[in-house]
Amino acid sequence: MTYQEILSNALRLSDTERKHLIGTLEQLESKVASSAQSLRLNLYLEKRGRCPHCGGTHYYRFGKDKGAQRFMCRDCGRTFTQYTGTWMEGLHKKSIVAPYMKLMTESKSLDKISSALHINKKTAFDWRHKILGSLKQDEGKSFSGITESDETFFDKSDKGNRHLIRKPHKRGGCCHTRGISKDKATVIATADRKNDLNMTLCGYGRLTEKEIADSLQTPLPKAVVLCTDGHASYVRYASDNHLEHVVLNGKRGQHVKRTVFHIQHVNALHNLLKCWIGRTFFGVATKYLQNYLNWFKAYQTVLKQSQNQAEEMLCLAMTYNWGKFATH
């Protein structure tokens, strides 16, 4: 049944039936969003949250703000709601968050999302990157046991830029500089055997020790066994952090050592990532690449095992504050 047929049938309903239908649809739309939103609201109601402005724990209820419970912080004197500091702060159309998340997790294009939800394409684009920007990568302290790390490269892309200072590349074209250069965006993937994963856009061109350290945010624990290729930056990083380091030299045919040490896991992730970005989005602009790395990481570690990816994605996006203080 097409949209027009459903609409014409709905117009034949009585006023009472139509109101009941609208109420039912609104309940279905808000089901996913309300479950994630209620998690944050319950944290604050149970006095387990923090003020998103100052991190204070002394606050009390302070009326309503556009239907949302508002709180007043005794420490800084500012007010907030459960949306403050999240990607939903200031969002006007919260009622369509649930169907938006469903379409997004189904990898629908922005055109299809804007058409289905009757929103502007720019709104659909902005929502996507607000959500992806609020997802987090695992920090170094979360890794344990055998941990693999390796870098991969993407051609620098100015997709969507209408103010280029160079001639535009043909679709599917390659960069003009041979080898690893500043025309290549460097992505580091670090993963252990218990599903912790970090994928970070760290810069352009050849990898440095500082970029490895910055990608993980916190140093790897000393109990970790780091498996990498023979890149000098990994050797220095392991030495500076007093890590056991297993080096695999692919040029000499060293792909596995002692049957358990290898970097095949992260290399497989590199391949999956490039196929996903190339086939689903036909490439992405480099300035947005980190957001898509956040999405890919969330899918590989959480979403693909979930029976309700839309709800799980929204819960992940609502877990963290954008500001300094995070509420877990």
C-alpha atoms as a PDB file:
ATOM      1  CA  MET A   1       0.000   0.000   0.000  1.00  0.00           C
ATOM      2  CA  THR A   2       1.411   3.391  -1.014  1.00  0.00           C
ATOM      3  CA  TYR A   3       1.602   6.514   1.124  1.00  0.00           C
ATOM      4  CA  GLN A   4      -1.220   8.154  -0.855  1.00  0.00           C
ATOM      5  CA  GLU A   5      -3.507   5.125  -0.367  1.00  0.00           C
ATOM      6  CA  ILE A   6      -2.839   5.135   3.392  1.00  0.00           C
ATOM      7  CA  LEU A   7      -3.520   8.885   3.516  1.00  0.00           C
ATOM      8  CA  SER A   8      -6.800   8.589   1.587  1.00  0.00           C
ATOM      9  CA  ASN A   9      -7.982   5.779   3.902  1.00  0.00           C
ATOM     10  CA  ALA A  10      -7.040   7.843   6.961  1.00  0.00           C
ATOM     11  CA  LEU A  11      -9.132  10.752   5.685  1.00  0.00           C
ATOM     12  CA  ARG A  12     -12.212   8.498   5.615  1.00  0.00           C
ATOM     13  CA  LEU A  13     -11.945   7.846   9.357  1.00  0.00           C
ATOM     14  CA  SER A  14     -14.174   9.599  11.863  1.00  0.00           C
ATOM     15  CA  ASP A  15     -12.746  12.329  14.080  1.00  0.00           C
ATOM     16  CA  THR A  16     -12.516   9.942  17.051  1.00  0.00           C
ATOM     17  CA  GLU A  17     -10.795   7.227  15.004  1.00  0.00           C
ATOM     18  CA  ARG A  18      -8.418   9.755  13.493  1.00  0.00           C
ATOM     19  CA  LYS A  19      -7.392  11.082  16.921  1.00  0.00           C
ATOM     20  CA  HIS A  20      -6.849   7.508  18.125  1.00  0.00           C
ATOM     21  CA  LEU A  21      -4.676   6.780  15.051  1.00  0.00           C
ATOM     22  CA  ILE A  22      -2.586   9.913  15.598  1.00  0.00           C
ATOM     23  CA  GLY A  23      -2.082   9.007  19.254  1.00  0.00           C
ATOM     24  CA  THR A  24      -1.002   5.470  18.341  1.00  0.00           C
ATOM     25  CA  LEU A  25       1.497   6.739  15.750  1.00  0.00           C
ATOM     26  CA  GLU A  26       2.957   9.244  18.204  1.00  0.00           C
ATOM     27  CA  GLN A  27       3.440   6.478  20.780  1.00  0.00           C
ATOM     28  CA  LEU A  28       5.235   4.295  18.228  1.00  0.00           C
ATOM     29  CA  GLU A  29       7.497   7.185  17.151  1.00  0.00           C
ATOM     30  CA  SER A  30       8.455   8.138  20.672  1.00  0.00           C
ATOM     31  CA  LYS A  31       9.008   4.581  21.963  1.00  0.00           C
ATOM     32  CA  VAL A  32      12.677   4.367  21.001  1.00  0.00           C
ATOM     33  CA  ALA A  33      13.500   7.967  21.854  1.00  0.00           C
ATOM     34  CA  SER A  34      11.738   7.867  25.221  1.00  0.00           C
ATOM     35  CA  SER A  35      13.657   4.790  26.401  1.00  0.00           C
ATOM     36  CA  ALA A  36      17.029   6.489  25.833  1.00  0.00           C
ATOM     37  CA  GLN A  37      15.856   9.852  27.153  1.00  0.00           C
ATOM     38  CA  SER A  38      14.421   8.252  30.283  1.00  0.00           C
ATOM     39  CA  LEU A  39      17.831   6.778  31.120  1.00  0.00           C
ATOM     40  CA  ARG A  40      19.292  10.266  31.511  1.00  0.00           C
ATOM     41  CA  LEU A  41      16.188  11.638  33.218  1.00  0.00           C
ATOM     42  CA  ASN A  42      16.211   8.801  35.769  1.00  0.00           C
ATOM     43  CA  LEU A  43      19.894   9.487  36.505  1.00  0.00           C
ATOM     44  CA  TYR A  44      19.044  13.055  37.455  1.00  0.00           C
ATOM     45  CA  LEU A  45      15.863  12.139  39.349  1.00  0.00           C
ATOM     46  CA  GLU A  46      17.810   9.571  41.379  1.00  0.00           C
ATOM     47  CA  LYS A  47      20.542  12.147  42.156  1.00  0.00           C
ATOM     48  CA  ARG A  48      23.181  10.137  40.287  1.00  0.00           C
ATOM     49  CA  GLY A  49      23.862  12.702  37.559  1.00  0.00           C
ATOM     50  CA  ARG A  50      26.130  15.735  37.331  1.00  0.00           C
ATOM     51  CA  CYS A  51      25.486  19.305  36.283  1.00  0.00           C
ATOM     52  CA  PRO A  52      26.621  19.528  32.627  1.00  0.00           C
ATOM     53  CA  HIS A  53      27.921  23.068  33.261  1.00  0.00           C
ATOM     54  CA  CYS A  54      30.139  22.629  36.332  1.00  0.00           C
ATOM     55  CA  GLY A  55      30.008  18.922  37.216  1.00  0.00           C
ATOM     56  CA  GLY A  56      28.258  19.607  40.518  1.00  0.00           C
ATOM     57  CA  THR A  57      26.089  16.985  42.199  1.00  0.00           C
ATOM     58  CA  HIS A  58      23.866  19.350  44.225  1.00  0.00           C
ATOM     59  CA  TYR A  59      20.753  20.201  42.220  1.00  0.00           C
ATOM     60  CA  TYR A  60      16.974  20.140  42.538  1.00  0.00           C
ATOM     61  CA  ARG A  61      13.899  20.189  40.310  1.00  0.00           C
ATOM     62  CA  PHE A  62      13.134  23.603  38.908  1.00  0.00           C
ATOM     63  CA  GLY A  63       9.941  23.482  36.849  1.00  0.00           C
ATOM     64  CA  LYS A  64       9.602  22.517  33.197  1.00  0.00           C
ATOM     65  CA  ASP A  65      11.228  23.668  29.981  1.00  0.00           C
ATOM     66  CA  LYS A  66       9.183  22.896  26.842  1.00  0.00           C
ATOM     67  CA  GLY A  67       7.796  19.781  28.516  1.00  0.00           C
ATOM     68  CA  ALA A  68      11.170  18.562  29.820  1.00  0.00           C
ATOM     69  CA  GLN A  69      12.032  18.434  33.519  1.00  0.00           C
ATOM     70  CA  ARG A  70      14.352  21.301  34.412  1.00  0.00           C
ATOM     71  CA  PHE A  71      16.905  21.282  37.247  1.00  0.00           C
ATOM     72  CA  MET A  72      18.726  24.053  39.115  1.00  0.00           C
ATOM     73  CA  CYS A  73      22.352  23.509  40.166  1.00  0.00           C
ATOM     74  CA  ARG A  74      23.123  24.801  43.673  1.00  0.00           C
ATOM     75  CA  ASP A  75      26.854  24.964  42.878  1.00  0.00           C
ATOM     76  CA  CYS A  76      26.840  27.208  39.787  1.00  0.00           C
ATOM     77  CA  GLY A  77      23.268  28.532  39.830  1.00  0.00           C
ATOM     78  CA  ARG A  78      22.538  27.462  36.234  1.00  0.00           C
ATOM     79  CA  THR A  79      19.619  25.369  35.005  1.00  0.00           C
ATOM     80  CA  PHE A  80      19.629  22.313  32.755  1.00  0.00           C
ATOM     81  CA  THR A  81      17.467  19.433  31.495  1.00  0.00           C
ATOM     82  CA  GLN A  82      18.287  15.828  30.574  1.00  0.00           C
ATOM     83  CA  TYR A  83      19.038  17.076  27.035  1.00  0.00           C
ATOM     84  CA  THR A  84      21.619  19.687  28.062  1.00  0.00           C
ATOM     85  CA  GLY A  85      25.035  18.783  26.693  1.00  0.00           C
ATOM     86  CA  THR A  86      23.699  16.054  24.385  1.00  0.00           C
ATOM     87  CA  TRP A  87      23.086  16.114  20.659  1.00  0.00           C
ATOM     88  CA  MET A  88      19.349  16.592  21.332  1.00  0.00           C
ATOM     89  CA  GLU A  89      19.857  19.920  23.101  1.00  0.00           C
ATOM     90  CA  GLY A  90      17.857  22.593  21.256  1.00  0.00           C
ATOM     91  CA  LEU A  91      16.262  20.039  18.920  1.00  0.00           C
ATOM     92  CA  HIS A  92      12.804  21.165  17.799  1.00  0.00           C
ATOM     93  CA  LYS A  93      11.438  17.918  16.340  1.00  0.00           C
ATOM     94  CA  LYS A  94      12.188  15.398  19.070  1.00  0.00           C
ATOM     95  CA  SER A  95       9.078  13.396  18.098  1.00  0.00           C
ATOM     96  CA  ILE A  96      10.759  12.140  14.894  1.00  0.00           C
ATOM     97  CA  VAL A  97      14.053  11.127  16.514  1.00  0.00           C
ATOM     98  CA  ALA A  98      12.953   7.471  16.692  1.00  0.00           C
ATOM     99  CA  PRO A  99      12.056   7.048  12.983  1.00  0.00           C
ATOM    100  CA  TYR A 100      15.156   9.037  12.040  1.00  0.00           C
ATOM    101  CA  MET A 101      17.392   6.651  14.019  1.00  0.00           C
ATOM    102  CA  LYS A 102      15.710   3.652  12.395  1.00  0.00           C
ATOM    103  CA  LEU A 103      16.331   4.999   8.887  1.00  0.00           C
ATOM    104  CA  MET A 104      19.881   5.996   9.779  1.00  0.00           C
ATOM    105  CA  THR A 105      20.820   2.555  11.131  1.00  0.00           C
ATOM    106  CA  GLU A 106      19.396   1.070   7.923  1.00  0.00           C
ATOM    107  CA  SER A 107      21.983   3.222   6.046  1.00  0.00           C
ATOM    108  CA  LYS A 108      19.313   5.113   4.128  1.00  0.00           C
ATOM    109  CA  SER A 109      20.548   8.092   2.120  1.00  0.00           C
ATOM    110  CA  LEU A 110      19.930  11.646   3.272  1.00  0.00           C
ATOM    111  CA  ASP A 111      17.523  12.146   0.358  1.00  0.00           C
ATOM    112  CA  LYS A 112      15.426   9.149   1.424  1.00  0.00           C
ATOM    113  CA  ILE A 113      15.447  10.219   5.076  1.00  0.00           C
ATOM    114  CA  SER A 114      14.394  13.797   4.299  1.00  0.00           C
ATOM    115  CA  SER A 115      11.657  12.545   1.967  1.00  0.00           C
ATOM    116  CA  ALA A 116      10.302   9.964   4.423  1.00  0.00           C
ATOM    117  CA  LEU A 117      10.258  12.342   7.419  1.00  0.00           C
ATOM    118  CA  HIS A 118       9.404  15.528   5.492  1.00  0.00           C
ATOM    119  CA  ILE A 119      12.441  17.404   6.790  1.00  0.00           C
ATOM    120  CA  ASN A 120      15.049  19.465   4.990  1.00  0.00           C
ATOM    121  CA  LYS A 121      18.053  17.538   3.676  1.00  0.00           C
ATOM    122  CA  LYS A 122      20.387  19.854   5.605  1.00  0.00           C
ATOM    123  CA  THR A 123      18.487  18.989   8.798  1.00  0.00           C
ATOM    124  CA  ALA A 124      18.961  15.279   8.082  1.00  0.00           C
ATOM    125  CA  PHE A 125      22.679  15.902   7.475  1.00  0.00           C
ATOM    126  CA  ASP A 126      23.120  17.979  10.638  1.00  0.00           C
ATOM    127  CA  TRP A 127      21.344  15.362  12.768  1.00  0.00           C
ATOM    128  CA  ARG A 128      23.557  12.606  11.391  1.00  0.00           C
ATOM    129  CA  HIS A 129      26.743  14.387  12.384  1.00  0.00           C
ATOM    130  CA  LYS A 130      25.416  15.522  15.758  1.00  0.00           C
ATOM    131  CA  ILE A 131      24.710  11.866  16.542  1.00  0.00           C
ATOM    132  CA  LEU A 132      28.011  10.549  15.186  1.00  0.00           C
ATOM    133  CA  GLY A 133      29.991  13.320  16.870  1.00  0.00           C
ATOM    134  CA  SER A 134      28.600  12.235  20.255  1.00  0.00           C
ATOM    135  CA  LEU A 135      29.801   8.628  19.884  1.00  0.00           C
ATOM    136  CA  LYS A 136      33.117   7.815  21.544  1.00  0.00           C
ATOM    137  CA  GLN A 137      36.147   5.669  20.835  1.00  0.00           C
ATOM    138  CA  ASP A 138      37.703   3.381  23.456  1.00  0.00           C
ATOM    139  CA  GLU A 139      40.626   4.948  25.313  1.00  0.00           C
ATOM    140  CA  GLY A 140      43.988   3.254  25.833  1.00  0.00           C
ATOM    141  CA  LYS A 141      43.271   2.306  29.459  1.00  0.00           C
ATOM    142  CA  SER A 142      40.381   0.026  28.360  1.00  0.00           C
ATOM    143  CA  PHE A 143      42.620  -2.333  26.372  1.00  0.00           C
ATOM    144  CA  SER A 144      44.052  -5.545  27.778  1.00  0.00           C
ATOM    145  CA  GLY A 145      45.866  -8.706  26.696  1.00  0.00           C
ATOM    146  CA  ILE A 146      47.034  -9.010  23.090  1.00  0.00           C
ATOM    147  CA  THR A 147      46.365  -5.666  21.378  1.00  0.00           C
ATOM    148  CA  GLU A 148      46.860  -5.094  17.663  1.00  0.00           C
ATOM    149  CA  SER A 149      47.515  -1.718  16.059  1.00  0.00           C
ATOM    150  CA  ASP A 150      48.087  -0.670  12.471  1.00  0.00           C
ATOM    151  CA  GLU A 151      47.460   2.332  10.232  1.00  0.00           C
ATOM    152  CA  THR A 152      45.666   2.671   6.920  1.00  0.00           C
ATOM    153  CA  PHE A 153      45.263   5.578   4.510  1.00  0.00           C
ATOM    154  CA  PHE A 154      42.427   7.358   2.711  1.00  0.00           C
ATOM    155  CA  ASP A 155      42.833   9.804  -0.148  1.00  0.00           C
ATOM    156  CA  LYS A 156      42.240  13.334   1.116  1.00  0.00           C
ATOM    157  CA  SER A 157      38.722  14.305   0.020  1.00  0.00           C
ATOM    158  CA  ASP A 158      37.044  17.711  -0.250  1.00  0.00           C
ATOM    159  CA  LYS A 159      33.699  16.163  -1.201  1.00  0.00           C
ATOM    160  CA  GLY A 160      30.940  18.783  -1.078  1.00  0.00           C
ATOM    161  CA  ASN A 161      33.336  21.769  -0.970  1.00  0.00           C
ATOM    162  CA  ARG A 162      32.118  24.486  -3.340  1.00  0.00           C
ATOM    163  CA  HIS A 163      35.139  26.743  -2.818  1.00  0.00           C
ATOM    164  CA  LEU A 164      38.066  24.615  -3.977  1.00  0.00           C
ATOM    165  CA  ILE A 165      41.404  26.287  -4.632  1.00  0.00           C
ATOM    166  CA  ARG A 166      42.388  23.493  -7.018  1.00  0.00           C
ATOM    167  CA  LYS A 167      40.841  21.692  -9.949  1.00  0.00           C
ATOM    168  CA  PRO A 168      38.219  19.122  -8.830  1.00  0.00           C
ATOM    169  CA  HIS A 169      39.119  15.446  -9.036  1.00  0.00           C
ATOM    170  CA  LYS A 170      37.142  13.137 -11.265  1.00  0.00           C
ATOM    171  CA  ARG A 171      34.832  10.747  -9.398  1.00  0.00           C
ATOM    172  CA  GLY A 172      36.855   7.689  -8.412  1.00  0.00           C
ATOM    173  CA  GLY A 173      40.151   9.383  -9.225  1.00  0.00           C
ATOM    174  CA  CYS A 174      43.335   8.930  -7.215  1.00  0.00           C
ATOM    175  CA  CYS A 175      45.632  11.508  -5.650  1.00  0.00           C
ATOM    176  CA  HIS A 176      48.466  12.662  -7.900  1.00  0.00           C
ATOM    177  CA  THR A 177      51.322  12.089  -5.429  1.00  0.00           C
ATOM    178  CA  ARG A 178      52.809   8.613  -5.324  1.00  0.00           C
ATOM    179  CA  GLY A 179      53.279   6.763  -2.032  1.00  0.00           C
ATOM    180  CA  ILE A 180      52.438   8.151   1.399  1.00  0.00           C
ATOM    181  CA  SER A 181      52.116  11.940   1.312  1.00  0.00           C
ATOM    182  CA  LYS A 182      50.148  14.808   2.809  1.00  0.00           C
ATOM    183  CA  ASP A 183      47.405  13.926   0.291  1.00  0.00           C
ATOM    184  CA  LYS A 184      46.681  10.822   2.405  1.00  0.00           C
ATOM    185  CA  ALA A 185      44.604  10.899   5.610  1.00  0.00           C
ATOM    186  CA  THR A 186      46.034   8.531   8.229  1.00  0.00           C
ATOM    187  CA  VAL A 187      43.687   6.345  10.279  1.00  0.00           C
ATOM    188  CA  ILE A 188      44.996   4.259  13.204  1.00  0.00           C
ATOM    189  CA  ALA A 189      43.041   1.169  14.263  1.00  0.00           C
ATOM    190  CA  THR A 190      43.795  -0.413  17.646  1.00  0.00           C
ATOM    191  CA  ALA A 191      41.899  -3.513  18.843  1.00  0.00           C
ATOM    192  CA  ASP A 192      42.267  -6.190  21.474  1.00  0.00           C
ATOM    193  CA  ARG A 193      40.758  -9.676  21.571  1.00  0.00           C
ATOM    194  CA  LYS A 194      37.817  -8.733  23.843  1.00  0.00           C
ATOM    195  CA  ASN A 195      36.131  -6.316  21.423  1.00  0.00           C
ATOM    196  CA  ASP A 196      37.692  -3.014  22.520  1.00  0.00           C
ATOM    197  CA  LEU A 197      38.346  -0.844  19.477  1.00  0.00           C
ATOM    198  CA  ASN A 198      39.747   2.589  18.696  1.00  0.00           C
ATOM    199  CA  MET A 199      39.733   4.072  15.175  1.00  0.00           C
ATOM    200  CA  THR A 200      41.111   7.602  14.920  1.00  0.00           C
ATOM    201  CA  LEU A 201      41.863  10.009  12.098  1.00  0.00           C
ATOM    202  CA  CYS A 202      45.226  11.225  13.369  1.00  0.00           C
ATOM    203  CA  GLY A 203      46.591  13.429  10.590  1.00  0.00           C
ATOM    204  CA  TYR A 204      48.063  13.337   7.096  1.00  0.00           C
ATOM    205  CA  GLY A 205      51.043  11.504   5.694  1.00  0.00           C
ATOM    206  CA  ARG A 206      53.481   9.344   7.603  1.00  0.00           C
ATOM    207  CA  LEU A 207      52.615   8.138  11.092  1.00  0.00           C
ATOM    208  CA  THR A 208      54.337   9.626  14.148  1.00  0.00           C
ATOM    209  CA  GLU A 209      54.664   8.439  17.740  1.00  0.00           C
ATOM    210  CA  LYS A 210      52.716  11.492  18.977  1.00  0.00           C
ATOM    211  CA  GLU A 211      49.767  10.604  16.720  1.00  0.00           C
ATOM    212  CA  ILE A 212      49.673   7.074  18.171  1.00  0.00           C
ATOM    213  CA  ALA A 213      49.625   8.466  21.718  1.00  0.00           C
ATOM    214  CA  ASP A 214      46.997  11.108  20.872  1.00  0.00           C
ATOM    215  CA  SER A 215      44.708   8.564  19.184  1.00  0.00           C
ATOM    216  CA  LEU A 216      44.478   6.448  22.354  1.00  0.00           C
ATOM    217  CA  GLN A 217      44.164   9.500  24.713  1.00  0.00           C
ATOM    218  CA  THR A 218      45.544   7.448  27.630  1.00  0.00           C
ATOM    219  CA  PRO A 219      48.627   5.146  27.567  1.00  0.00           C
ATOM    220  CA  LEU A 220      48.091   1.422  27.081  1.00  0.00           C
ATOM    221  CA  PRO A 221      48.418  -0.551  30.353  1.00  0.00           C
ATOM    222  CA  LYS A 222      51.799  -2.172  30.951  1.00  0.00           C
ATOM    223  CA  ALA A 223      50.229  -5.643  30.924  1.00  0.00           C
ATOM    224  CA  VAL A 224      49.282  -5.236  27.252  1.00  0.00           C
ATOM    225  CA  VAL A 225      51.193  -7.135  24.563  1.00  0.00           C
ATOM    226  CA  LEU A 226      51.306  -4.783  21.562  1.00  0.00           C
ATOM    227  CA  CYS A 227      51.370  -6.379  18.100  1.00  0.00           C
ATOM    228  CA  THR A 228      52.295  -4.114  15.169  1.00  0.00           C
ATOM    229  CA  ASP A 229      54.302  -4.024  11.984  1.00  0.00           C
ATOM    230  CA  GLY A 230      57.881  -2.766  12.053  1.00  0.00           C
ATOM    231  CA  HIS A 231      57.064   0.963  11.854  1.00  0.00           C
ATOM    232  CA  ALA A 232      59.584   2.914  13.965  1.00  0.00           C
ATOM    233  CA  SER A 233      56.840   5.002  15.622  1.00  0.00           C
ATOM    234  CA  TYR A 234      55.282   1.887  17.177  1.00  0.00           C
ATOM    235  CA  VAL A 235      58.708   0.728  18.373  1.00  0.00           C
ATOM    236  CA  ARG A 236      59.300   4.062  20.131  1.00  0.00           C
ATOM    237  CA  TYR A 237      55.773   4.153  21.567  1.00  0.00           C
ATOM    238  CA  ALA A 238      56.134   0.646  23.040  1.00  0.00           C
ATOM    239  CA  SER A 239      59.568   1.479  24.443  1.00  0.00           C
ATOM    240  CA  ASP A 240      58.447   4.779  26.021  1.00  0.00           C
ATOM    241  CA  ASN A 241      55.435   3.091  27.669  1.00  0.00           C
ATOM    242  CA  HIS A 242      57.381  -0.044  28.731  1.00  0.00           C
ATOM    243  CA  LEU A 243      55.156  -2.435  26.754  1.00  0.00           C
ATOM    244  CA  GLU A 244      55.959  -5.922  25.531  1.00  0.00           C
ATOM    245  CA  HIS A 245      56.110  -5.434  21.770  1.00  0.00           C
ATOM    246  CA  VAL A 246      55.757  -8.126  19.089  1.00  0.00           C
ATOM    247  CA  VAL A 247      56.870  -6.895  15.643  1.00  0.00           C
ATOM    248  CA  LEU A 248      55.585  -8.615  12.498  1.00  0.00           C
ATOM    249  CA  ASN A 249      57.504  -7.966   9.281  1.00  0.00           C
ATOM    250  CA  GLY A 250      55.138  -8.714   6.416  1.00  0.00           C
ATOM    251  CA  LYS A 251      57.843  -8.177   3.792  1.00  0.00           C
ATOM    252  CA  ARG A 252      59.707 -11.146   5.275  1.00  0.00           C
ATOM    253  CA  GLY A 253      56.565 -13.257   5.412  1.00  0.00           C
ATOM    254  CA  GLN A 254      56.056 -12.807   9.154  1.00  0.00           C
ATOM    255  CA  HIS A 255      52.257 -12.736   9.477  1.00  0.00           C
ATOM    256  CA  VAL A 256      51.872 -14.800  12.673  1.00  0.00           C
ATOM    257  CA  LYS A 257      54.245 -15.395  15.576  1.00  0.00           C
ATOM    258  CA  ARG A 258      53.854 -18.135  18.165  1.00  0.00           C
ATOM    259  CA  THR A 259      50.404 -18.910  16.670  1.00  0.00           C
ATOM    260  CA  VAL A 260      48.622 -16.064  18.540  1.00  0.00           C
ATOM    261  CA  PHE A 261      50.476 -12.825  17.750  1.00  0.00           C
ATOM    262  CA  HIS A 262      49.299 -11.140  14.532  1.00  0.00           C
ATOM    263  CA  ILE A 263      47.601  -7.981  13.201  1.00  0.00           C
ATOM    264  CA  GLN A 264      45.116  -9.729  10.936  1.00  0.00           C
ATOM    265  CA  HIS A 265      42.159  -8.519  12.998  1.00  0.00           C
ATOM    266  CA  VAL A 266      42.877  -4.815  12.440  1.00  0.00           C
ATOM    267  CA  ASN A 267      43.790  -5.427   8.794  1.00  0.00           C
ATOM    268  CA  ALA A 268      40.394  -7.071   8.277  1.00  0.00           C
ATOM    269  CA  LEU A 269      38.754  -4.055   9.950  1.00  0.00           C
ATOM    270  CA  HIS A 270      40.598  -1.751   7.536  1.00  0.00           C
ATOM    271  CA  ASN A 271      39.170  -3.676   4.604  1.00  0.00           C
ATOM    272  CA  LEU A 272      35.626  -3.674   6.026  1.00  0.00           C
ATOM    273  CA  LEU A 273      35.857   0.055   6.757  1.00  0.00           C
ATOM    274  CA  LYS A 274      36.959   0.981   3.240  1.00  0.00           C
ATOM    275  CA  CYS A 275      34.271  -1.198   1.633  1.00  0.00           C
ATOM    276  CA  TRP A 276      31.592   0.285   3.914  1.00  0.00           C
ATOM    277  CA  ILE A 277      32.561   3.895   3.227  1.00  0.00           C
ATOM    278  CA  GLY A 278      33.079   3.322  -0.494  1.00  0.00           C
ATOM    279  CA  ARG A 279      29.960   1.296  -1.231  1.00  0.00           C
ATOM    280  CA  THR A 280      27.485   2.858   1.209  1.00  0.00           C
ATOM    281  CA  PHE A 281      28.453   6.544   1.029  1.00  0.00           C
ATOM    282  CA  PHE A 282      30.553   6.591  -2.178  1.00  0.00           C
ATOM    283  CA  GLY A 283      33.330   8.192  -0.175  1.00  0.00           C
ATOM    284  CA  VAL A 284      33.118  10.835   2.551  1.00  0.00           C
ATOM    285  CA  ALA A 285      34.769  14.226   3.036  1.00  0.00           C
ATOM    286  CA  THR A 286      37.931  13.958   5.111  1.00  0.00           C
ATOM    287  CA  LYS A 287      36.690  16.601   7.565  1.00  0.00           C
ATOM    288  CA  TYR A 288      33.787  14.270   8.473  1.00  0.00           C
ATOM    289  CA  LEU A 289      35.787  11.018   8.364  1.00  0.00           C
ATOM    290  CA  GLN A 290      36.185  10.783  12.172  1.00  0.00           C
ATOM    291  CA  ASN A 291      32.398  10.804  12.603  1.00  0.00           C
ATOM    292  CA  TYR A 292      32.072   7.828  10.264  1.00  0.00           C
ATOM    293  CA  LEU A 293      34.873   6.073  12.127  1.00  0.00           C
ATOM    294  CA  ASN A 294      32.781   6.541  15.305  1.00  0.00           C
ATOM    295  CA  TRP A 295      29.790   4.985  13.536  1.00  0.00           C
ATOM    296  CA  PHE A 296      31.842   2.053  12.243  1.00  0.00           C
ATOM    297  CA  LYS A 297      33.324   1.435  15.695  1.00  0.00           C
ATOM    298  CA  ALA A 298      29.866   1.494  17.315  1.00  0.00           C
ATOM    299  CA  TYR A 299      28.570  -0.988  14.739  1.00  0.00           C
ATOM    300  CA  GLN A 300      31.469  -3.408  15.102  1.00  0.00           C
ATOM    301  CA  THR A 301      31.478  -3.416  18.916  1.00  0.00           C
ATOM    302  CA  VAL A 302      27.797  -2.985  19.864  1.00  0.00           C
ATOM    303  CA  LEU A 303      25.236  -2.544  17.113  1.00  0.00           C
ATOM    304  CA  LYS A 304      25.754  -5.672  15.031  1.00  0.00           C
ATOM    305  CA  GLN A 305      24.965  -7.867  18.059  1.00  0.00           C
ATOM    306  CA  SER A 306      21.862  -5.821  18.933  1.00  0.00           C
ATOM    307  CA  GLN A 307      18.335  -6.789  17.916  1.00  0.00           C
ATOM    308  CA  ASN A 308      17.255  -3.126  17.998  1.00  0.00           C
ATOM    309  CA  GLN A 309      20.070  -1.108  16.465  1.00  0.00           C
ATOM    310  CA  ALA A 310      18.096   2.158  16.423  1.00  0.00           C
ATOM    311  CA  GLU A 311      17.479   2.079  20.179  1.00  0.00           C
ATOM    312  CA  GLU A 312      21.047   0.981  20.933  1.00  0.00           C
ATOM    313  CA  MET A 313      22.478   3.749  18.743  1.00  0.00           C
ATOM    314  CA  LEU A 314      20.362   6.381  20.473  1.00  0.00           C
ATOM    315  CA  CYS A 315      21.395   5.101  23.903  1.00  0.00           C
ATOM    316  CA  LEU A 316      25.070   5.337  22.902  1.00  0.00           C
ATOM    317  CA  ALA A 317      24.609   8.873  21.572  1.00  0.00           C
ATOM    318  CA  MET A 318      22.740  10.000  24.711  1.00  0.00           C
ATOM    319  CA  THR A 319      25.226   8.483  27.169  1.00  0.00           C
ATOM    320  CA  TYR A 320      27.801  11.243  26.912  1.00  0.00           C
ATOM    321  CA  ASN A 321      27.802  14.985  27.374  1.00  0.00           C
ATOM    322  CA  TRP A 322      29.453  17.172  24.759  1.00  0.00           C
ATOM    323  CA  GLY A 323      31.037  19.267  27.485  1.00  0.00           C
ATOM    324  CA  LYS A 324      33.734  18.532  30.018  1.00  0.00           C
ATOM    325  CA  PHE A 325      31.619  16.402  32.333  1.00  0.00           C
ATOM    326  CA  ALA A 326      30.286  13.014  31.180  1.00  0.00           C
ATOM    327  CA  THR A 327      27.404  11.180  32.775  1.00  0.00           C
ATOM    328  CA  HIS A 328      27.707   7.394  32.502  1.00  0.00           C
END
